[in-house]
Amino acid sequence: MKVYYDDEVDALYLKLSDDLPEGVVELAEGVNLDTTSDDQIVGIEILTASKKLDLRTVLSYSLEVDKDLITR
């Protein structure tokens, strides 16, 4: 997953896949899912993002990995 934030327009984009989006599903005003033709979600767009969530929680991260996944 890649996270992009454009502070000029206050838009956050979560890129979930390298597949190209072919459609959009609006979940709420300013919250959109980018989808492929077979309804796979490839991205999430949030407009006026700073008013909808705390950007500090999205633009910083921690990673917890199950040890069993690494040893497989």
C-alpha atoms as a PDB file:
ATOM      1  CA  MET A   1       0.000   0.000   0.000  1.00  0.00           C
ATOM      2  CA  LYS A   2       1.177   3.501  -0.808  1.00  0.00           C
ATOM      3  CA  VAL A   3      -0.200   6.656   0.769  1.00  0.00           C
ATOM      4  CA  TYR A   4      -0.253   9.992  -1.028  1.00  0.00           C
ATOM      5  CA  TYR A   5      -1.377  13.320   0.414  1.00  0.00           C
ATOM      6  CA  ASP A   6      -1.772  16.542  -1.564  1.00  0.00           C
ATOM      7  CA  ASP A   7      -1.908  19.411   0.902  1.00  0.00           C
ATOM      8  CA  GLU A   8      -2.813  21.951  -1.806  1.00  0.00           C
ATOM      9  CA  VAL A   9      -6.200  20.309  -2.315  1.00  0.00           C
ATOM     10  CA  ASP A  10      -6.378  18.384   1.008  1.00  0.00           C
ATOM     11  CA  ALA A  11      -6.767  15.012  -0.717  1.00  0.00           C
ATOM     12  CA  LEU A  12      -5.530  11.669   0.586  1.00  0.00           C
ATOM     13  CA  TYR A  13      -5.102   8.636  -1.670  1.00  0.00           C
ATOM     14  CA  LEU A  14      -4.432   5.091  -0.515  1.00  0.00           C
ATOM     15  CA  LYS A  15      -3.087   3.062  -3.422  1.00  0.00           C
ATOM     16  CA  LEU A  16      -3.824  -0.590  -2.725  1.00  0.00           C
ATOM     17  CA  SER A  17      -2.777  -2.136  -6.034  1.00  0.00           C
ATOM     18  CA  ASP A  18      -0.830  -1.398  -9.201  1.00  0.00           C
ATOM     19  CA  ASP A  19      -3.905  -2.326 -11.247  1.00  0.00           C
ATOM     20  CA  LEU A  20      -5.478   0.572 -13.116  1.00  0.00           C
ATOM     21  CA  PRO A  21      -8.853   1.758 -11.837  1.00  0.00           C
ATOM     22  CA  GLU A  22     -11.708   1.553 -14.296  1.00  0.00           C
ATOM     23  CA  GLY A  23     -14.549   2.783 -12.119  1.00  0.00           C
ATOM     24  CA  VAL A  24     -15.415   4.698  -8.972  1.00  0.00           C
ATOM     25  CA  VAL A  25     -17.831   3.915  -6.154  1.00  0.00           C
ATOM     26  CA  GLU A  26     -18.777   6.874  -3.968  1.00  0.00           C
ATOM     27  CA  LEU A  27     -19.138   5.706  -0.356  1.00  0.00           C
ATOM     28  CA  ALA A  28     -19.907   9.123   1.089  1.00  0.00           C
ATOM     29  CA  GLU A  29     -19.413  12.705  -0.009  1.00  0.00           C
ATOM     30  CA  GLY A  30     -15.719  12.997  -0.832  1.00  0.00           C
ATOM     31  CA  VAL A  31     -14.894   9.343  -0.101  1.00  0.00           C
ATOM     32  CA  ASN A  32     -14.428   7.183  -3.196  1.00  0.00           C
ATOM     33  CA  LEU A  33     -13.265   3.679  -3.980  1.00  0.00           C
ATOM     34  CA  ASP A  34     -11.381   3.156  -7.225  1.00  0.00           C
ATOM     35  CA  THR A  35     -12.250  -0.245  -8.676  1.00  0.00           C
ATOM     36  CA  THR A  36     -11.351  -2.489 -11.582  1.00  0.00           C
ATOM     37  CA  SER A  37     -13.886  -3.898 -14.032  1.00  0.00           C
ATOM     38  CA  ASP A  38     -14.174  -7.017 -11.837  1.00  0.00           C
ATOM     39  CA  ASP A  39     -14.888  -4.924  -8.697  1.00  0.00           C
ATOM     40  CA  GLN A  40     -11.446  -5.248  -7.102  1.00  0.00           C
ATOM     41  CA  ILE A  41     -10.659  -2.216  -4.917  1.00  0.00           C
ATOM     42  CA  VAL A  42      -7.390  -0.628  -6.068  1.00  0.00           C
ATOM     43  CA  GLY A  43      -7.528   2.714  -4.278  1.00  0.00           C
ATOM     44  CA  ILE A  44      -9.324   4.903  -1.781  1.00  0.00           C
ATOM     45  CA  GLU A  45      -9.627   8.655  -2.282  1.00  0.00           C
ATOM     46  CA  ILE A  46     -10.599  10.988   0.559  1.00  0.00           C
ATOM     47  CA  LEU A  47     -11.273  14.623  -0.301  1.00  0.00           C
ATOM     48  CA  THR A  48     -11.093  17.297   2.426  1.00  0.00           C
ATOM     49  CA  ALA A  49      -9.156  14.621   4.268  1.00  0.00           C
ATOM     50  CA  SER A  50      -7.996  16.773   7.179  1.00  0.00           C
ATOM     51  CA  LYS A  51     -11.641  17.355   8.127  1.00  0.00           C
ATOM     52  CA  LYS A  52     -12.528  13.661   7.979  1.00  0.00           C
ATOM     53  CA  LEU A  53      -9.618  12.076   9.867  1.00  0.00           C
ATOM     54  CA  ASP A  54      -6.481  12.804  11.825  1.00  0.00           C
ATOM     55  CA  LEU A  55      -3.805  12.881   9.131  1.00  0.00           C
ATOM     56  CA  ARG A  56      -1.067  12.220  11.683  1.00  0.00           C
ATOM     57  CA  THR A  57      -2.429   8.696  12.149  1.00  0.00           C
ATOM     58  CA  VAL A  58      -2.416   8.007   8.410  1.00  0.00           C
ATOM     59  CA  LEU A  59       0.863   9.653   7.503  1.00  0.00           C
ATOM     60  CA  SER A  60       2.786   7.825  10.227  1.00  0.00           C
ATOM     61  CA  TYR A  61       2.674   4.102  10.754  1.00  0.00           C
ATOM     62  CA  SER A  62       3.850   1.146  12.736  1.00  0.00           C
ATOM     63  CA  LEU A  63       4.105  -2.369  11.438  1.00  0.00           C
ATOM     64  CA  GLU A  64       3.243  -5.442  13.423  1.00  0.00           C
ATOM     65  CA  VAL A  65       4.073  -8.744  11.773  1.00  0.00           C
ATOM     66  CA  ASP A  66       3.014 -12.176  12.933  1.00  0.00           C
ATOM     67  CA  LYS A  67       6.226 -14.180  13.445  1.00  0.00           C
ATOM     68  CA  ASP A  68       4.571 -17.212  11.856  1.00  0.00           C
ATOM     69  CA  LEU A  69       4.195 -15.343   8.565  1.00  0.00           C
ATOM     70  CA  ILE A  70       7.921 -14.624   8.381  1.00  0.00           C
ATOM     71  CA  THR A  71       9.044 -18.203   9.041  1.00  0.00           C
ATOM     72  CA  ARG A  72       6.803 -19.847   6.420  1.00  0.00           C
END
